[in-house]
N, C-alpha and C. Protein backbone atom coordinates (compact mmCIF):
# COMPACT_ATOMS: atom_id res chain seq x y z
N UNK A 1 -39.43 23.69 7.88
CA UNK A 1 -38.56 23.24 9.14
C UNK A 1 -37.06 24.64 8.70
N UNK A 2 -37.25 25.51 9.93
CA UNK A 2 -35.93 26.41 10.63
C UNK A 2 -35.18 26.27 10.83
N UNK A 3 -33.60 26.28 9.86
CA UNK A 3 -32.25 26.15 10.67
C UNK A 3 -31.82 26.92 10.81
N UNK A 4 -30.59 27.09 11.79
CA UNK A 4 -30.11 27.81 12.30
C UNK A 4 -28.76 28.56 11.18
N UNK A 5 -28.12 29.14 11.34
CA UNK A 5 -26.48 29.01 10.66
C UNK A 5 -25.73 28.24 11.98
N UNK A 6 -24.93 27.19 10.79
CA UNK A 6 -24.12 26.62 11.54
C UNK A 6 -22.67 27.59 12.47
N UNK A 7 -22.63 28.45 12.65
CA UNK A 7 -21.62 29.15 13.05
C UNK A 7 -22.35 29.61 14.29
N UNK A 8 -23.33 29.81 14.28
CA UNK A 8 -24.18 30.05 15.18
C UNK A 8 -24.31 28.48 16.00
N UNK A 9 -23.96 27.45 15.93
CA UNK A 9 -24.21 26.03 16.49
C UNK A 9 -22.73 25.63 16.91
N UNK A 10 -21.86 26.19 15.91
CA UNK A 10 -19.85 26.31 16.75
C UNK A 10 -19.95 27.25 17.65
N UNK A 11 -20.72 28.27 17.59
CA UNK A 11 -20.41 29.63 19.12
C UNK A 11 -21.13 28.57 20.31
N UNK A 12 -22.07 27.59 20.17
CA UNK A 12 -22.45 26.95 21.34
C UNK A 12 -21.75 25.87 21.47
N UNK A 13 -21.38 25.41 20.86
CA UNK A 13 -20.13 23.64 21.37
C UNK A 13 -19.26 25.15 21.97
N UNK A 14 -18.61 26.11 21.50
CA UNK A 14 -17.72 26.26 21.89
C UNK A 14 -17.31 27.08 23.25
N UNK A 15 -19.38 27.43 23.97
CA UNK A 15 -19.64 27.99 25.00
C UNK A 15 -19.63 27.67 25.56
N UNK A 16 -19.97 26.08 24.96
CA UNK A 16 -20.99 25.78 26.33
C UNK A 16 -19.71 24.42 26.48
N UNK A 17 -18.72 23.97 25.67
CA UNK A 17 -17.49 22.63 26.51
C UNK A 17 -17.03 22.95 26.26
N UNK A 18 -15.95 24.77 25.57
CA UNK A 18 -15.05 24.75 25.12
C UNK A 18 -14.32 24.73 24.52
N UNK A 19 -12.57 25.05 24.01
CA UNK A 19 -12.26 24.83 22.57
C UNK A 19 -12.66 25.48 21.92
N UNK A 20 -12.06 24.34 20.40
CA UNK A 20 -12.52 25.02 19.18
C UNK A 20 -12.78 24.06 18.58
N UNK A 21 -13.78 24.56 17.86
CA UNK A 21 -14.93 23.96 16.88
C UNK A 21 -15.07 23.99 15.66
N UNK A 22 -15.02 23.10 14.49
CA UNK A 22 -14.98 23.07 13.06
C UNK A 22 -16.19 22.17 11.98
N UNK A 23 -16.68 22.58 11.92
CA UNK A 23 -17.72 22.20 10.97
C UNK A 23 -17.24 21.07 10.15
N UNK A 24 -17.73 19.78 10.26
CA UNK A 24 -17.32 18.72 9.69
C UNK A 24 -18.29 17.87 8.47
N UNK A 25 -19.37 17.94 8.99
CA UNK A 25 -21.08 18.01 7.94
C UNK A 25 -22.16 18.19 8.92
N UNK A 26 -23.17 18.22 8.37
CA UNK A 26 -24.36 18.57 8.53
C UNK A 26 -24.97 17.08 8.55
N UNK A 27 -25.59 16.48 9.24
CA UNK A 27 -26.34 15.07 8.95
C UNK A 27 -27.99 15.46 9.32
N UNK A 28 -28.66 14.76 8.52
CA UNK A 28 -30.25 14.76 8.74
C UNK A 28 -29.93 13.49 9.48
N UNK A 29 -31.23 13.88 10.66
CA UNK A 29 -31.03 12.96 12.06
C UNK A 29 -33.36 12.50 11.98
N UNK A 30 -33.49 11.56 12.07
CA UNK A 30 -34.68 11.52 12.28
C UNK A 30 -35.17 10.50 13.67
N UNK A 31 -36.11 10.83 14.64
CA UNK A 31 -35.69 10.22 16.00
C UNK A 31 -37.31 9.23 16.13
N UNK A 32 -37.89 8.09 16.51
CA UNK A 32 -38.92 7.33 16.60
C UNK A 32 -38.94 6.82 17.87
N UNK A 33 -39.85 6.98 18.08
CA UNK A 33 -40.07 5.88 19.47
C UNK A 33 -41.93 5.43 19.02
N UNK A 34 -41.25 3.90 19.12
CA UNK A 34 -43.15 3.61 18.99
C UNK A 34 -43.61 4.13 17.79
N UNK A 35 -43.10 3.72 16.51
CA UNK A 35 -43.44 4.26 15.34
C UNK A 35 -43.41 6.34 15.73
N UNK A 36 -43.66 6.73 15.83
CA UNK A 36 -43.87 8.10 16.13
C UNK A 36 -42.68 8.79 15.90
N UNK A 37 -42.41 9.84 15.74
CA UNK A 37 -41.50 10.88 15.06
C UNK A 37 -40.69 11.71 16.56
N UNK A 38 -39.75 11.21 17.08
CA UNK A 38 -39.80 12.31 18.23
C UNK A 38 -39.73 13.44 18.11
N UNK A 39 -37.86 13.76 16.97
CA UNK A 39 -37.25 14.74 16.63
C UNK A 39 -36.92 14.68 14.90
N UNK A 40 -37.05 15.70 14.59
CA UNK A 40 -36.23 15.54 12.96
C UNK A 40 -35.84 16.80 12.37
N UNK A 41 -34.02 16.57 12.15
CA UNK A 41 -33.90 17.22 12.22
C UNK A 41 -32.30 17.46 11.42
N UNK A 42 -31.14 18.95 11.28
CA UNK A 42 -30.74 18.56 11.28
C UNK A 42 -29.16 18.32 12.24
N UNK A 43 -28.22 17.41 12.59
CA UNK A 43 -27.43 17.95 13.37
C UNK A 43 -25.47 18.10 12.96
N UNK A 44 -25.22 19.30 13.42
CA UNK A 44 -24.51 19.33 12.91
C UNK A 44 -22.80 19.08 13.66
N UNK A 45 -21.63 17.96 12.38
CA UNK A 45 -21.21 17.28 13.28
C UNK A 45 -19.36 18.42 13.51
N UNK A 46 -19.01 18.29 14.61
CA UNK A 46 -18.18 19.84 14.70
C UNK A 46 -16.94 18.68 15.12
N UNK A 47 -15.50 18.67 14.86
CA UNK A 47 -13.90 18.23 15.72
C UNK A 47 -14.05 19.38 16.30
N UNK A 48 -13.27 18.83 17.18
CA UNK A 48 -13.51 19.49 18.67
C UNK A 48 -11.57 19.35 19.00
N UNK A 49 -11.46 21.28 19.03
CA UNK A 49 -9.70 20.69 19.31
C UNK A 49 -9.87 21.65 20.18
N UNK A 50 -8.72 21.28 21.50
CA UNK A 50 -8.85 21.78 23.23
C UNK A 50 -9.61 21.95 23.74
N UNK A 51 -10.40 19.95 23.24
CA UNK A 51 -10.80 19.99 24.88
C UNK A 51 -10.68 19.08 25.54
N UNK A 52 -10.85 18.61 26.62
CA UNK A 52 -9.51 17.36 27.20
C UNK A 52 -10.11 15.94 27.44
N UNK A 53 -11.57 15.65 26.73
CA UNK A 53 -12.08 14.25 27.12
C UNK A 53 -12.41 14.47 25.32
N UNK A 54 -13.05 15.60 24.89
CA UNK A 54 -13.69 15.15 23.29
C UNK A 54 -12.75 15.41 22.24
N UNK A 55 -12.64 15.21 21.10
CA UNK A 55 -12.06 15.63 19.42
C UNK A 55 -13.52 15.67 19.03
N UNK A 56 -14.73 15.54 19.48
CA UNK A 56 -15.69 16.06 18.39
C UNK A 56 -17.47 16.21 19.05
N UNK A 57 -18.16 16.84 18.46
CA UNK A 57 -19.43 18.15 19.45
C UNK A 57 -20.61 17.35 18.12
N UNK A 58 -21.86 17.03 19.11
CA UNK A 58 -22.87 17.43 17.98
C UNK A 58 -23.35 18.45 18.41
N UNK A 59 -24.37 19.73 17.57
CA UNK A 59 -24.95 20.44 17.86
C UNK A 59 -26.30 20.43 17.27
N UNK A 60 -27.38 21.14 17.48
CA UNK A 60 -28.14 21.47 16.38
C UNK A 60 -29.36 22.37 17.88
N UNK A 61 -30.35 22.72 16.49
CA UNK A 61 -31.37 23.33 17.81
C UNK A 61 -32.75 22.56 16.98
N UNK A 62 -34.32 23.47 18.17
CA UNK A 62 -35.26 22.85 17.79
C UNK A 62 -36.24 24.14 18.69
N UNK A 63 -37.49 23.96 17.69
CA UNK A 63 -38.48 25.00 18.48
C UNK A 63 -38.50 25.09 19.42
N UNK A 64 -38.76 25.53 20.32
CA UNK A 64 -39.80 25.73 21.45
C UNK A 64 -41.04 25.97 21.33
N UNK A 65 -41.51 24.89 21.44
CA UNK A 65 -43.25 25.24 21.71
C UNK A 65 -44.16 26.48 22.38
N UNK A 66 -44.79 27.02 21.53
CA UNK A 66 -45.78 28.06 21.88
C UNK A 66 -44.41 28.99 21.66
N UNK A 67 -43.24 29.01 21.31
CA UNK A 67 -42.59 30.70 21.12
C UNK A 67 -41.83 30.61 19.97
N UNK A 68 -41.54 31.89 19.77
CA UNK A 68 -40.72 31.41 18.08
C UNK A 68 -39.29 31.68 18.09
N UNK A 69 -38.83 31.13 19.74
CA UNK A 69 -37.71 31.28 19.91
C UNK A 69 -37.22 29.79 19.89
N UNK A 70 -35.76 29.75 19.65
CA UNK A 70 -34.72 28.20 19.71
C UNK A 70 -34.47 27.86 20.78
N UNK A 71 -34.37 25.91 20.82
CA UNK A 71 -33.55 25.89 21.96
C UNK A 71 -31.98 24.78 21.59
N UNK A 72 -30.83 25.48 22.38
CA UNK A 72 -30.22 24.96 20.73
C UNK A 72 -28.55 23.95 22.26
N UNK A 73 -28.71 22.33 21.42
CA UNK A 73 -28.01 21.25 22.39
C UNK A 73 -26.81 20.98 21.67
N UNK A 74 -25.60 20.60 22.11
CA UNK A 74 -24.16 20.61 22.31
C UNK A 74 -24.04 19.22 23.41
N UNK A 75 -23.43 18.38 22.20
CA UNK A 75 -23.52 17.12 23.42
C UNK A 75 -22.00 16.45 22.41
N UNK A 76 -21.40 16.12 23.46
CA UNK A 76 -19.59 15.30 23.24
C UNK A 76 -19.87 14.16 22.98
N UNK A 77 -18.74 13.64 22.01
CA UNK A 77 -18.43 12.37 21.30
C UNK A 77 -18.07 12.08 22.71
N UNK A 78 -18.48 11.63 23.02
CA UNK A 78 -17.62 11.04 24.71
C UNK A 78 -18.70 8.96 24.51
N UNK A 79 -18.54 8.48 24.87
CA UNK A 79 -19.30 6.98 24.58
C UNK A 79 -19.82 7.01 26.25
N UNK A 80 -21.07 6.39 26.23
CA UNK A 80 -21.71 5.45 24.72
C UNK A 80 -21.98 6.57 23.55
N UNK A 81 -21.69 7.89 23.45
CA UNK A 81 -22.70 8.82 22.74
C UNK A 81 -21.03 8.28 21.56
N UNK A 82 -21.65 7.84 20.63
CA UNK A 82 -20.49 7.98 18.79
C UNK A 82 -21.44 8.43 17.62
N UNK A 83 -22.38 9.01 17.82
CA UNK A 83 -22.99 9.57 16.60
C UNK A 83 -23.85 10.46 16.61
N UNK A 84 -23.99 10.83 15.64
CA UNK A 84 -25.26 11.94 15.30
C UNK A 84 -26.88 12.04 16.51
N UNK A 85 -26.85 10.64 15.85
CA UNK A 85 -28.14 9.64 16.69
C UNK A 85 -28.43 9.31 18.39
N UNK A 86 -27.19 9.35 18.55
CA UNK A 86 -26.82 8.87 20.09
C UNK A 86 -27.42 10.38 20.79
N UNK A 87 -26.31 11.12 19.97
CA UNK A 87 -26.52 12.51 20.59
C UNK A 87 -28.18 13.03 21.06
N UNK A 88 -28.61 12.82 19.58
CA UNK A 88 -30.45 13.32 19.78
C UNK A 88 -30.46 12.44 20.86
N UNK A 89 -30.75 10.63 21.09
CA UNK A 89 -31.27 10.40 21.91
C UNK A 89 -31.06 10.62 23.45
N UNK A 90 -29.88 11.03 23.61
CA UNK A 90 -29.00 11.19 25.04
C UNK A 90 -29.87 12.53 24.97
N UNK A 91 -29.79 13.24 24.58
CA UNK A 91 -30.82 15.34 24.81
C UNK A 91 -32.69 14.72 25.29
N UNK A 92 -32.86 14.01 24.59
CA UNK A 92 -34.49 13.51 24.37
C UNK A 92 -34.76 13.14 26.36
N UNK A 93 -33.52 12.17 26.18
CA UNK A 93 -33.00 11.08 27.24
C UNK A 93 -33.10 11.90 28.43
N UNK A 94 -32.74 13.27 28.55
CA UNK A 94 -31.82 13.96 29.59
C UNK A 94 -33.21 15.19 30.02
N UNK A 95 -34.11 15.78 28.52
CA UNK A 95 -35.12 16.28 28.84
C UNK A 95 -36.14 15.53 29.76
N UNK A 96 -36.51 14.25 29.21
CA UNK A 96 -37.65 13.94 30.05
C UNK A 96 -37.46 13.44 31.46
N UNK A 97 -36.16 13.21 32.28
CA UNK A 97 -35.46 13.11 33.11
C UNK A 97 -36.05 14.58 33.85
N UNK A 98 -35.11 15.71 33.27
CA UNK A 98 -35.09 16.48 34.48
C UNK A 98 -37.16 16.95 34.11
N UNK A 99 -37.98 16.39 32.92
CA UNK A 99 -39.35 16.93 33.39
C UNK A 99 -40.28 16.29 34.14
N UNK A 100 -39.40 15.65 34.94
CA UNK A 100 -39.78 14.38 36.01
C UNK A 100 -39.59 15.11 37.17
């Protein structure tokens, strides 16, 4: 599994949400639905300074099916999103809603 550099993810967080991001940790996440793995990878956790609503953000990337490119995600730590797995779940739900 190819992972991206945490500096790229820091840039994604800062570009999408503003503020200054500082890496805190990288957390392995595996999300399953009906016993099937929906997503598995590393979510980078950033402290976020200078954002009006959030003090933390979660960022990761996933390969784009049928391409050598990657899609980047940056989700703010704002309840009900309070963990890396919550962020991944929210992104999955948002993608499915966009496809409909």
